[in-house]
Amino acid sequence: MLQVLPYDRAAAVTYAHRWALGRNPQFYDYEEIGGDCTNFASQCLYAGTGIMNFTPIYGWYYINANEKAPAWTGVEYFRNFLVRKESSPGPFAEETTLSGLLPGDFIQLNFKGEVFGHTPIVVKIGSPATPENTLIAAHSYDADYRPLSTYTYQGIRYLHILGAYPPERKAVDFTPRSGPRGTFSALL
């Protein structure tokens, strides 16, 4: 079984506050081509884990504007990556209820009835949790400390981050420079 690395919720929330009303120049702004909410959510999540999954198509990574996984910017893909069954590198989550959320978790909203289209991050939550005291940060509808109750939506789901699986270790060929030729495979 793979080791589970802790999720640094404070780092994710700090990042959210820093960039909620602006744009980090290290990442492309997708606002004009479909929205930037899940790109922003992914940046926050990465700030809290530091681990990407470079699996083509089904991973979760960002290299540049054109080299990224669908899960980095797509609402449905983001959710599907996080709740995947296999223990592959990167963050993972479970669907929960409003009362199961903590700061650094994510909410997804469905505005038109069929497809979820918005991914804000929870930056503060009351006890007991209510839509009025659940505060979010987001792009596309740029916000910081916005109450969940101010959104009008038809569907909602909650993603509780459980941690992250470490990057895969790669076998390396160690060939001695002198002496008998042979290989020793070790994990880095």
N, C-alpha and C. Protein backbone atom coordinates (compact mmCIF):
# COMPACT_ATOMS: atom_id res chain seq x y z
N MET A 1 0.84 -1.18 0.00
CA MET A 1 0.00 0.00 0.00
C MET A 1 0.89 1.25 0.00
N LEU A 2 0.52 2.22 -0.80
CA LEU A 2 1.29 3.45 -0.89
C LEU A 2 1.13 4.31 0.35
N GLN A 3 2.18 4.99 0.67
CA GLN A 3 2.15 5.97 1.76
C GLN A 3 1.23 7.12 1.35
N VAL A 4 0.48 7.65 2.28
CA VAL A 4 -0.37 8.81 2.02
C VAL A 4 0.31 10.03 2.64
N LEU A 5 0.54 11.02 1.82
CA LEU A 5 1.15 12.26 2.29
C LEU A 5 0.04 13.22 2.74
N PRO A 6 0.28 13.98 3.81
CA PRO A 6 -0.76 14.89 4.29
C PRO A 6 -0.98 16.06 3.33
N TYR A 7 -2.18 16.55 3.34
CA TYR A 7 -2.57 17.71 2.56
C TYR A 7 -2.39 18.95 3.44
N ASP A 8 -1.61 19.90 2.97
CA ASP A 8 -1.36 21.13 3.71
C ASP A 8 -2.49 22.11 3.41
N ARG A 9 -3.56 22.00 4.15
CA ARG A 9 -4.75 22.83 3.93
C ARG A 9 -4.44 24.32 4.09
N ALA A 10 -3.60 24.64 5.07
CA ALA A 10 -3.25 26.05 5.29
C ALA A 10 -2.54 26.63 4.07
N ALA A 11 -1.66 25.87 3.45
CA ALA A 11 -0.95 26.34 2.25
C ALA A 11 -1.92 26.55 1.09
N ALA A 12 -2.88 25.64 0.94
CA ALA A 12 -3.87 25.77 -0.13
C ALA A 12 -4.74 27.01 0.08
N VAL A 13 -5.18 27.24 1.31
CA VAL A 13 -6.02 28.40 1.61
C VAL A 13 -5.23 29.69 1.48
N THR A 14 -3.99 29.71 1.94
CA THR A 14 -3.14 30.90 1.80
C THR A 14 -2.98 31.24 0.32
N TYR A 15 -2.72 30.23 -0.51
CA TYR A 15 -2.61 30.45 -1.95
C TYR A 15 -3.92 31.01 -2.51
N ALA A 16 -5.04 30.45 -2.06
CA ALA A 16 -6.35 30.92 -2.54
C ALA A 16 -6.54 32.39 -2.24
N HIS A 17 -6.23 32.81 -1.02
CA HIS A 17 -6.38 34.23 -0.67
C HIS A 17 -5.44 35.11 -1.49
N ARG A 18 -4.23 34.63 -1.73
CA ARG A 18 -3.23 35.41 -2.47
C ARG A 18 -3.66 35.67 -3.91
N TRP A 19 -4.30 34.66 -4.56
CA TRP A 19 -4.57 34.76 -6.00
C TRP A 19 -6.06 34.79 -6.36
N ALA A 20 -6.97 34.83 -5.40
CA ALA A 20 -8.41 34.80 -5.71
C ALA A 20 -8.84 35.97 -6.59
N LEU A 21 -8.28 37.13 -6.34
CA LEU A 21 -8.70 38.32 -7.09
C LEU A 21 -7.64 38.76 -8.10
N GLY A 22 -6.68 37.89 -8.36
CA GLY A 22 -5.62 38.16 -9.32
C GLY A 22 -5.24 36.89 -10.04
N ARG A 23 -4.16 36.93 -10.80
CA ARG A 23 -3.71 35.76 -11.54
C ARG A 23 -2.23 35.54 -11.32
N ASN A 24 -1.85 34.33 -10.98
CA ASN A 24 -0.45 33.96 -10.84
C ASN A 24 0.14 33.88 -12.24
N PRO A 25 1.17 34.68 -12.55
CA PRO A 25 1.71 34.69 -13.92
C PRO A 25 2.39 33.37 -14.32
N GLN A 26 2.59 32.45 -13.37
CA GLN A 26 3.19 31.14 -13.71
C GLN A 26 2.18 30.21 -14.38
N PHE A 27 0.91 30.59 -14.37
CA PHE A 27 -0.15 29.77 -14.95
C PHE A 27 -0.94 30.60 -15.96
N TYR A 28 -1.34 29.96 -17.04
CA TYR A 28 -2.16 30.61 -18.05
C TYR A 28 -3.54 30.93 -17.46
N ASP A 29 -4.13 32.02 -17.88
CA ASP A 29 -5.47 32.43 -17.45
C ASP A 29 -6.46 31.98 -18.53
N TYR A 30 -7.29 31.01 -18.24
CA TYR A 30 -8.25 30.44 -19.20
C TYR A 30 -9.60 31.15 -19.19
N GLU A 31 -9.67 32.29 -18.53
CA GLU A 31 -10.94 33.01 -18.37
C GLU A 31 -11.67 33.25 -19.68
N GLU A 32 -10.94 33.64 -20.70
CA GLU A 32 -11.57 33.98 -21.99
C GLU A 32 -11.86 32.77 -22.87
N ILE A 33 -11.43 31.59 -22.46
CA ILE A 33 -11.66 30.40 -23.29
C ILE A 33 -12.33 29.29 -22.47
N GLY A 34 -13.36 29.65 -21.75
CA GLY A 34 -14.13 28.64 -21.03
C GLY A 34 -14.17 28.81 -19.53
N GLY A 35 -13.30 29.62 -18.97
CA GLY A 35 -13.31 29.84 -17.53
C GLY A 35 -12.02 29.38 -16.86
N ASP A 36 -11.74 29.96 -15.72
CA ASP A 36 -10.48 29.72 -15.01
C ASP A 36 -10.69 29.08 -13.63
N CYS A 37 -11.92 28.71 -13.30
CA CYS A 37 -12.19 28.25 -11.93
C CYS A 37 -11.44 26.98 -11.56
N THR A 38 -11.44 25.98 -12.43
CA THR A 38 -10.79 24.73 -12.05
C THR A 38 -9.28 24.83 -12.17
N ASN A 39 -8.78 25.68 -13.07
CA ASN A 39 -7.35 25.98 -13.11
C ASN A 39 -6.92 26.57 -11.77
N PHE A 40 -7.70 27.51 -11.25
CA PHE A 40 -7.41 28.12 -9.95
C PHE A 40 -7.52 27.07 -8.83
N ALA A 41 -8.56 26.25 -8.86
CA ALA A 41 -8.72 25.19 -7.86
C ALA A 41 -7.51 24.26 -7.88
N SER A 42 -7.06 23.89 -9.08
CA SER A 42 -5.89 23.01 -9.20
C SER A 42 -4.64 23.66 -8.65
N GLN A 43 -4.47 24.96 -8.90
CA GLN A 43 -3.31 25.67 -8.35
C GLN A 43 -3.34 25.63 -6.83
N CYS A 44 -4.50 25.85 -6.24
CA CYS A 44 -4.64 25.81 -4.77
C CYS A 44 -4.31 24.41 -4.25
N LEU A 45 -4.86 23.41 -4.92
CA LEU A 45 -4.62 22.03 -4.51
C LEU A 45 -3.15 21.67 -4.63
N TYR A 46 -2.52 22.11 -5.70
CA TYR A 46 -1.09 21.86 -5.88
C TYR A 46 -0.27 22.56 -4.79
N ALA A 47 -0.69 23.77 -4.39
CA ALA A 47 0.01 24.48 -3.31
C ALA A 47 -0.05 23.67 -2.01
N GLY A 48 -1.09 22.87 -1.84
CA GLY A 48 -1.24 22.07 -0.63
C GLY A 48 -0.66 20.67 -0.71
N THR A 49 -0.25 20.24 -1.92
CA THR A 49 0.29 18.88 -2.05
C THR A 49 1.68 18.86 -2.69
N GLY A 50 1.92 19.72 -3.67
CA GLY A 50 3.21 19.74 -4.36
C GLY A 50 3.44 18.54 -5.26
N ILE A 51 2.39 17.78 -5.54
CA ILE A 51 2.54 16.57 -6.35
C ILE A 51 1.58 16.60 -7.52
N MET A 52 2.11 16.38 -8.71
CA MET A 52 1.28 16.25 -9.90
C MET A 52 1.33 14.79 -10.36
N ASN A 53 0.40 14.44 -11.22
CA ASN A 53 0.36 13.10 -11.83
C ASN A 53 0.49 13.30 -13.33
N PHE A 54 1.63 12.91 -13.90
CA PHE A 54 1.93 13.17 -15.30
C PHE A 54 1.44 12.08 -16.25
N THR A 55 0.47 11.28 -15.82
CA THR A 55 -0.12 10.28 -16.69
C THR A 55 -0.84 10.98 -17.84
N PRO A 56 -0.46 10.68 -19.10
CA PRO A 56 -1.14 11.33 -20.22
C PRO A 56 -2.66 11.10 -20.16
N ILE A 57 -3.38 12.08 -20.48
CA ILE A 57 -4.85 12.13 -20.56
C ILE A 57 -5.53 12.03 -19.19
N TYR A 58 -5.23 11.00 -18.40
CA TYR A 58 -5.97 10.77 -17.16
C TYR A 58 -5.27 11.29 -15.91
N GLY A 59 -4.13 11.94 -16.06
CA GLY A 59 -3.42 12.47 -14.90
C GLY A 59 -3.95 13.83 -14.48
N TRP A 60 -3.14 14.51 -13.68
CA TRP A 60 -3.48 15.85 -13.19
C TRP A 60 -2.17 16.62 -13.12
N TYR A 61 -1.93 17.45 -14.13
CA TYR A 61 -0.67 18.17 -14.21
C TYR A 61 -0.81 19.42 -15.07
N TYR A 62 0.14 20.32 -14.88
CA TYR A 62 0.24 21.54 -15.68
C TYR A 62 1.72 21.77 -15.97
N ILE A 63 2.05 21.86 -17.25
CA ILE A 63 3.40 22.21 -17.68
C ILE A 63 3.38 23.62 -18.26
N ASN A 64 2.43 23.86 -19.15
CA ASN A 64 2.20 25.19 -19.72
C ASN A 64 0.77 25.23 -20.26
N ALA A 65 0.40 26.33 -20.89
CA ALA A 65 -0.99 26.51 -21.34
C ALA A 65 -1.48 25.39 -22.24
N ASN A 66 -0.59 24.82 -23.03
CA ASN A 66 -0.99 23.77 -23.97
C ASN A 66 -0.65 22.36 -23.50
N GLU A 67 0.18 22.24 -22.49
CA GLU A 67 0.57 20.94 -21.95
C GLU A 67 0.05 20.81 -20.53
N LYS A 68 -1.16 20.27 -20.44
CA LYS A 68 -1.83 20.09 -19.16
C LYS A 68 -2.81 18.95 -19.30
N ALA A 69 -3.13 18.35 -18.20
CA ALA A 69 -4.14 17.29 -18.20
C ALA A 69 -5.53 17.92 -18.21
N PRO A 70 -6.51 17.25 -18.81
CA PRO A 70 -7.88 17.76 -18.75
C PRO A 70 -8.36 18.00 -17.32
N ALA A 71 -7.88 17.19 -16.37
CA ALA A 71 -8.28 17.33 -14.97
C ALA A 71 -7.78 18.62 -14.34
N TRP A 72 -6.77 19.24 -14.93
CA TRP A 72 -6.25 20.49 -14.36
C TRP A 72 -7.25 21.64 -14.54
N THR A 73 -7.99 21.63 -15.65
CA THR A 73 -8.88 22.76 -15.95
C THR A 73 -10.35 22.38 -16.12
N GLY A 74 -10.68 21.12 -16.24
CA GLY A 74 -12.06 20.70 -16.47
C GLY A 74 -12.76 20.26 -15.19
N VAL A 75 -13.93 20.82 -14.94
CA VAL A 75 -14.66 20.54 -13.70
C VAL A 75 -14.91 19.04 -13.50
N GLU A 76 -15.50 18.38 -14.48
CA GLU A 76 -15.81 16.95 -14.35
C GLU A 76 -14.54 16.11 -14.25
N TYR A 77 -13.52 16.45 -15.05
CA TYR A 77 -12.26 15.70 -15.04
C TYR A 77 -11.54 15.86 -13.69
N PHE A 78 -11.61 17.06 -13.12
CA PHE A 78 -11.02 17.33 -11.81
C PHE A 78 -11.63 16.39 -10.76
N ARG A 79 -12.95 16.35 -10.72
CA ARG A 79 -13.65 15.47 -9.79
C ARG A 79 -13.29 14.01 -10.04
N ASN A 80 -13.32 13.59 -11.30
CA ASN A 80 -13.03 12.19 -11.62
C ASN A 80 -11.61 11.80 -11.21
N PHE A 81 -10.66 12.70 -11.42
CA PHE A 81 -9.29 12.40 -11.00
C PHE A 81 -9.22 12.25 -9.47
N LEU A 82 -9.84 13.16 -8.76
CA LEU A 82 -9.73 13.14 -7.30
C LEU A 82 -10.39 11.92 -6.66
N VAL A 83 -11.48 11.44 -7.21
CA VAL A 83 -12.18 10.30 -6.58
C VAL A 83 -11.84 8.97 -7.26
N ARG A 84 -10.73 8.95 -8.02
CA ARG A 84 -10.31 7.72 -8.70
C ARG A 84 -10.10 6.59 -7.71
N LYS A 85 -10.20 5.37 -8.19
CA LYS A 85 -10.06 4.19 -7.33
C LYS A 85 -8.61 3.75 -7.16
N GLU A 86 -7.78 3.95 -8.21
CA GLU A 86 -6.39 3.48 -8.11
C GLU A 86 -5.54 4.45 -7.28
N SER A 87 -4.51 3.92 -6.68
CA SER A 87 -3.60 4.70 -5.85
C SER A 87 -2.45 5.24 -6.69
N SER A 88 -2.76 6.15 -7.58
CA SER A 88 -1.73 6.74 -8.44
C SER A 88 -1.27 8.08 -7.84
N PRO A 89 -0.11 8.59 -8.26
CA PRO A 89 0.42 9.81 -7.67
C PRO A 89 -0.55 10.99 -7.72
N GLY A 90 -0.46 11.82 -6.71
CA GLY A 90 -1.25 13.05 -6.67
C GLY A 90 -2.32 13.02 -5.60
N PRO A 91 -3.01 14.15 -5.47
CA PRO A 91 -4.04 14.27 -4.45
C PRO A 91 -5.24 13.36 -4.75
N PHE A 92 -5.97 13.02 -3.69
CA PHE A 92 -7.19 12.24 -3.87
C PHE A 92 -8.22 12.69 -2.84
N ALA A 93 -9.49 12.39 -3.13
CA ALA A 93 -10.59 12.91 -2.32
C ALA A 93 -11.72 11.90 -2.24
N GLU A 94 -12.68 12.24 -1.41
CA GLU A 94 -13.94 11.51 -1.37
C GLU A 94 -15.07 12.53 -1.42
N GLU A 95 -16.18 12.11 -2.01
CA GLU A 95 -17.35 12.98 -1.96
C GLU A 95 -17.92 12.90 -0.55
N THR A 96 -18.42 14.03 -0.07
CA THR A 96 -18.90 14.11 1.30
C THR A 96 -20.14 15.00 1.34
N THR A 97 -20.48 15.45 2.51
CA THR A 97 -21.59 16.38 2.71
C THR A 97 -21.01 17.73 3.11
N LEU A 98 -21.85 18.73 3.20
CA LEU A 98 -21.40 20.05 3.64
C LEU A 98 -20.72 19.96 5.00
N SER A 99 -21.25 19.18 5.89
CA SER A 99 -20.67 19.07 7.24
C SER A 99 -19.34 18.31 7.25
N GLY A 100 -19.00 17.64 6.14
CA GLY A 100 -17.74 16.92 6.05
C GLY A 100 -16.61 17.73 5.46
N LEU A 101 -16.87 18.99 5.13
CA LEU A 101 -15.85 19.85 4.52
C LEU A 101 -14.97 20.52 5.56
N LEU A 102 -13.74 20.81 5.12
CA LEU A 102 -12.78 21.60 5.90
C LEU A 102 -12.20 22.66 4.97
N PRO A 103 -11.60 23.71 5.51
CA PRO A 103 -10.91 24.65 4.65
C PRO A 103 -9.88 23.91 3.78
N GLY A 104 -9.84 24.27 2.50
CA GLY A 104 -8.95 23.59 1.55
C GLY A 104 -9.68 22.54 0.73
N ASP A 105 -10.92 22.22 1.09
CA ASP A 105 -11.72 21.30 0.29
C ASP A 105 -12.39 22.06 -0.85
N PHE A 106 -13.10 21.34 -1.69
CA PHE A 106 -13.68 21.94 -2.90
C PHE A 106 -15.16 21.64 -3.00
N ILE A 107 -15.85 22.58 -3.60
CA ILE A 107 -17.28 22.46 -3.88
C ILE A 107 -17.42 22.56 -5.39
N GLN A 108 -18.34 21.80 -5.95
CA GLN A 108 -18.63 21.94 -7.38
C GLN A 108 -20.12 22.25 -7.53
N LEU A 109 -20.38 23.23 -8.40
CA LEU A 109 -21.75 23.71 -8.59
C LEU A 109 -22.23 23.43 -10.01
N ASN A 110 -23.51 23.13 -10.09
CA ASN A 110 -24.18 22.90 -11.36
C ASN A 110 -25.20 24.03 -11.50
N PHE A 111 -25.02 24.87 -12.49
CA PHE A 111 -25.89 26.03 -12.67
C PHE A 111 -27.07 25.77 -13.59
N LYS A 112 -26.94 24.82 -14.50
CA LYS A 112 -27.97 24.64 -15.53
C LYS A 112 -28.66 23.29 -15.50
N GLY A 113 -28.41 22.48 -14.51
CA GLY A 113 -29.17 21.27 -14.36
C GLY A 113 -28.52 19.97 -14.79
N GLU A 114 -27.52 19.96 -15.65
CA GLU A 114 -26.94 18.70 -16.09
C GLU A 114 -25.46 18.59 -15.81
N VAL A 115 -24.69 19.59 -16.18
CA VAL A 115 -23.24 19.52 -16.09
C VAL A 115 -22.75 20.45 -14.99
N PHE A 116 -21.84 19.94 -14.17
CA PHE A 116 -21.23 20.80 -13.16
C PHE A 116 -20.27 21.74 -13.86
N GLY A 117 -20.28 23.03 -13.46
CA GLY A 117 -19.51 24.01 -14.19
C GLY A 117 -18.68 24.97 -13.37
N HIS A 118 -18.55 24.75 -12.07
CA HIS A 118 -17.79 25.70 -11.24
C HIS A 118 -17.15 24.96 -10.08
N THR A 119 -15.87 25.30 -9.78
CA THR A 119 -15.12 24.63 -8.71
C THR A 119 -14.46 25.65 -7.79
N PRO A 120 -15.16 26.15 -6.78
CA PRO A 120 -14.52 27.01 -5.78
C PRO A 120 -13.86 26.18 -4.67
N ILE A 121 -12.95 26.83 -3.96
CA ILE A 121 -12.27 26.22 -2.81
C ILE A 121 -12.86 26.80 -1.53
N VAL A 122 -13.03 25.96 -0.53
CA VAL A 122 -13.52 26.40 0.78
C VAL A 122 -12.34 27.06 1.51
N VAL A 123 -12.54 28.31 1.96
CA VAL A 123 -11.48 29.00 2.70
C VAL A 123 -11.81 29.16 4.19
N LYS A 124 -13.10 29.02 4.53
CA LYS A 124 -13.50 29.10 5.93
C LYS A 124 -14.87 28.43 6.04
N ILE A 125 -15.09 27.76 7.17
CA ILE A 125 -16.38 27.09 7.35
C ILE A 125 -16.76 27.14 8.82
N GLY A 126 -18.03 27.39 9.08
CA GLY A 126 -18.51 27.48 10.45
C GLY A 126 -18.87 26.12 11.02
N SER A 127 -19.25 26.14 12.30
CA SER A 127 -19.66 24.92 12.97
C SER A 127 -20.93 25.22 13.75
N PRO A 128 -22.03 24.61 13.37
CA PRO A 128 -22.18 23.67 12.27
C PRO A 128 -22.12 24.39 10.92
N ALA A 129 -21.71 23.66 9.93
CA ALA A 129 -21.57 24.22 8.59
C ALA A 129 -22.94 24.51 7.98
N THR A 130 -23.06 25.70 7.42
CA THR A 130 -24.27 26.09 6.68
C THR A 130 -23.80 26.79 5.40
N PRO A 131 -24.67 26.92 4.41
CA PRO A 131 -24.28 27.69 3.21
C PRO A 131 -23.92 29.14 3.53
N GLU A 132 -24.48 29.68 4.59
CA GLU A 132 -24.19 31.07 4.96
C GLU A 132 -22.79 31.23 5.55
N ASN A 133 -22.31 30.23 6.30
CA ASN A 133 -20.98 30.36 6.93
C ASN A 133 -19.90 29.52 6.25
N THR A 134 -20.22 29.01 5.07
CA THR A 134 -19.21 28.33 4.25
C THR A 134 -18.71 29.36 3.25
N LEU A 135 -17.46 29.79 3.43
CA LEU A 135 -16.90 30.86 2.61
C LEU A 135 -15.92 30.26 1.60
N ILE A 136 -15.99 30.78 0.38
CA ILE A 136 -15.20 30.22 -0.71
C ILE A 136 -14.35 31.30 -1.39
N ALA A 137 -13.36 30.81 -2.13
CA ALA A 137 -12.58 31.65 -3.05
C ALA A 137 -12.69 30.99 -4.42
N ALA A 138 -12.68 31.80 -5.47
CA ALA A 138 -12.85 31.25 -6.81
C ALA A 138 -12.39 32.21 -7.88
N HIS A 139 -12.12 31.65 -9.04
CA HIS A 139 -11.94 32.41 -10.28
C HIS A 139 -13.17 32.21 -11.14
N SER A 140 -13.22 32.95 -12.23
CA SER A 140 -14.34 33.00 -13.18
C SER A 140 -15.47 33.84 -12.61
N TYR A 141 -15.85 33.57 -11.42
CA TYR A 141 -16.68 34.48 -10.64
C TYR A 141 -15.75 34.86 -9.49
N ASP A 142 -14.73 35.70 -9.81
CA ASP A 142 -13.67 35.98 -8.84
C ASP A 142 -14.24 36.36 -7.48
N ALA A 143 -13.75 35.67 -6.47
CA ALA A 143 -14.27 35.89 -5.13
C ALA A 143 -13.27 35.42 -4.09
N ASP A 144 -13.35 36.03 -2.92
CA ASP A 144 -12.63 35.58 -1.75
C ASP A 144 -13.54 35.83 -0.55
N TYR A 145 -13.69 34.85 0.30
CA TYR A 145 -14.59 34.90 1.45
C TYR A 145 -16.05 35.08 1.01
N ARG A 146 -16.43 34.56 -0.15
CA ARG A 146 -17.81 34.66 -0.61
C ARG A 146 -18.65 33.55 0.03
N PRO A 147 -19.78 33.89 0.65
CA PRO A 147 -20.64 32.86 1.22
C PRO A 147 -21.23 31.97 0.12
N LEU A 148 -21.24 30.69 0.37
CA LEU A 148 -21.83 29.75 -0.58
C LEU A 148 -23.29 30.08 -0.84
N SER A 149 -23.98 30.61 0.15
CA SER A 149 -25.40 30.95 0.04
C SER A 149 -25.69 32.02 -1.01
N THR A 150 -24.68 32.74 -1.48
CA THR A 150 -24.90 33.80 -2.48
C THR A 150 -24.94 33.25 -3.91
N TYR A 151 -24.67 31.98 -4.08
CA TYR A 151 -24.77 31.36 -5.41
C TYR A 151 -26.17 30.81 -5.63
N THR A 152 -26.63 30.86 -6.86
CA THR A 152 -27.87 30.21 -7.26
C THR A 152 -27.46 29.02 -8.13
N TYR A 153 -27.77 27.83 -7.68
CA TYR A 153 -27.34 26.63 -8.39
C TYR A 153 -28.44 25.58 -8.33
N GLN A 154 -28.33 24.61 -9.24
CA GLN A 154 -29.31 23.52 -9.26
C GLN A 154 -28.75 22.23 -8.67
N GLY A 155 -27.43 22.10 -8.65
CA GLY A 155 -26.80 20.93 -8.08
C GLY A 155 -25.51 21.31 -7.39
N ILE A 156 -25.15 20.50 -6.39
CA ILE A 156 -23.92 20.79 -5.65
C ILE A 156 -23.29 19.46 -5.21
N ARG A 157 -21.97 19.43 -5.19
CA ARG A 157 -21.26 18.29 -4.62
C ARG A 157 -20.03 18.81 -3.89
N TYR A 158 -19.58 18.00 -2.93
CA TYR A 158 -18.52 18.40 -2.03
C TYR A 158 -17.37 17.40 -2.12
N LEU A 159 -16.14 17.90 -2.26
CA LEU A 159 -14.96 17.05 -2.38
C LEU A 159 -14.03 17.31 -1.21
N HIS A 160 -13.87 16.30 -0.37
CA HIS A 160 -12.99 16.38 0.80
C HIS A 160 -11.65 15.74 0.45
N ILE A 161 -10.58 16.53 0.49
CA ILE A 161 -9.25 16.03 0.15
C ILE A 161 -8.72 15.19 1.31
N LEU A 162 -8.30 13.97 0.99
CA LEU A 162 -7.81 13.04 2.01
C LEU A 162 -6.29 13.04 2.14
N GLY A 163 -5.60 13.53 1.13
CA GLY A 163 -4.14 13.52 1.13
C GLY A 163 -3.65 13.36 -0.29
N ALA A 164 -2.41 12.91 -0.43
CA ALA A 164 -1.83 12.71 -1.76
C ALA A 164 -0.94 11.48 -1.72
N TYR A 165 -0.93 10.78 -2.84
CA TYR A 165 0.01 9.67 -3.00
C TYR A 165 1.30 10.25 -3.56
N PRO A 166 2.45 9.76 -3.11
CA PRO A 166 3.73 10.30 -3.59
C PRO A 166 3.98 9.97 -5.05
N PRO A 167 4.90 10.70 -5.68
CA PRO A 167 5.26 10.39 -7.07
C PRO A 167 5.80 8.97 -7.15
N GLU A 168 5.62 8.35 -8.30
CA GLU A 168 6.16 7.01 -8.49
C GLU A 168 7.67 7.06 -8.48
N ARG A 169 8.24 6.07 -7.87
CA ARG A 169 9.70 5.96 -7.87
C ARG A 169 10.11 5.23 -9.13
N LYS A 170 11.22 5.64 -9.71
CA LYS A 170 11.70 5.04 -10.94
C LYS A 170 12.94 4.19 -10.67
N ALA A 171 13.01 3.07 -11.34
CA ALA A 171 14.19 2.22 -11.23
C ALA A 171 15.32 2.88 -12.00
N VAL A 172 16.49 2.88 -11.40
CA VAL A 172 17.66 3.48 -12.02
C VAL A 172 18.73 2.41 -12.19
N ASP A 173 19.42 2.44 -13.31
CA ASP A 173 20.47 1.48 -13.60
C ASP A 173 21.79 2.01 -13.05
N PHE A 174 22.34 1.31 -12.05
CA PHE A 174 23.63 1.67 -11.51
C PHE A 174 24.67 0.70 -12.06
N THR A 175 25.50 1.15 -12.94
CA THR A 175 26.56 0.32 -13.50
C THR A 175 27.88 0.81 -12.95
N PRO A 176 28.63 -0.06 -12.26
CA PRO A 176 29.92 0.39 -11.70
C PRO A 176 30.86 0.85 -12.81
N ARG A 177 31.67 1.87 -12.50
CA ARG A 177 32.62 2.40 -13.49
C ARG A 177 33.83 1.49 -13.64
N SER A 178 34.12 0.68 -12.63
CA SER A 178 35.23 -0.28 -12.74
C SER A 178 34.77 -1.58 -12.11
N GLY A 179 35.42 -2.64 -12.43
CA GLY A 179 35.03 -3.93 -11.89
C GLY A 179 34.07 -4.64 -12.82
N PRO A 180 33.51 -5.73 -12.34
CA PRO A 180 32.62 -6.52 -13.18
C PRO A 180 31.40 -5.71 -13.61
N ARG A 181 31.01 -5.90 -14.85
CA ARG A 181 29.84 -5.18 -15.36
C ARG A 181 28.58 -5.87 -14.86
N GLY A 182 27.70 -5.11 -14.40
CA GLY A 182 26.43 -5.62 -13.90
C GLY A 182 25.53 -4.47 -13.62
N THR A 183 24.32 -4.76 -13.31
CA THR A 183 23.39 -3.68 -12.98
C THR A 183 22.80 -3.91 -11.62
N PHE A 184 22.49 -2.84 -11.01
CA PHE A 184 21.82 -2.87 -9.74
C PHE A 184 20.65 -1.91 -9.87
N SER A 185 19.48 -2.43 -9.76
CA SER A 185 18.28 -1.59 -9.89
C SER A 185 17.88 -1.16 -8.50
N ALA A 186 17.72 0.12 -8.32
CA ALA A 186 17.31 0.65 -7.02
C ALA A 186 16.18 1.63 -7.23
N LEU A 187 15.43 1.83 -6.21
CA LEU A 187 14.37 2.81 -6.27
C LEU A 187 14.89 4.11 -5.71
N LEU A 188 14.63 5.18 -6.43
CA LEU A 188 15.02 6.50 -5.93
C LEU A 188 13.92 7.09 -5.11
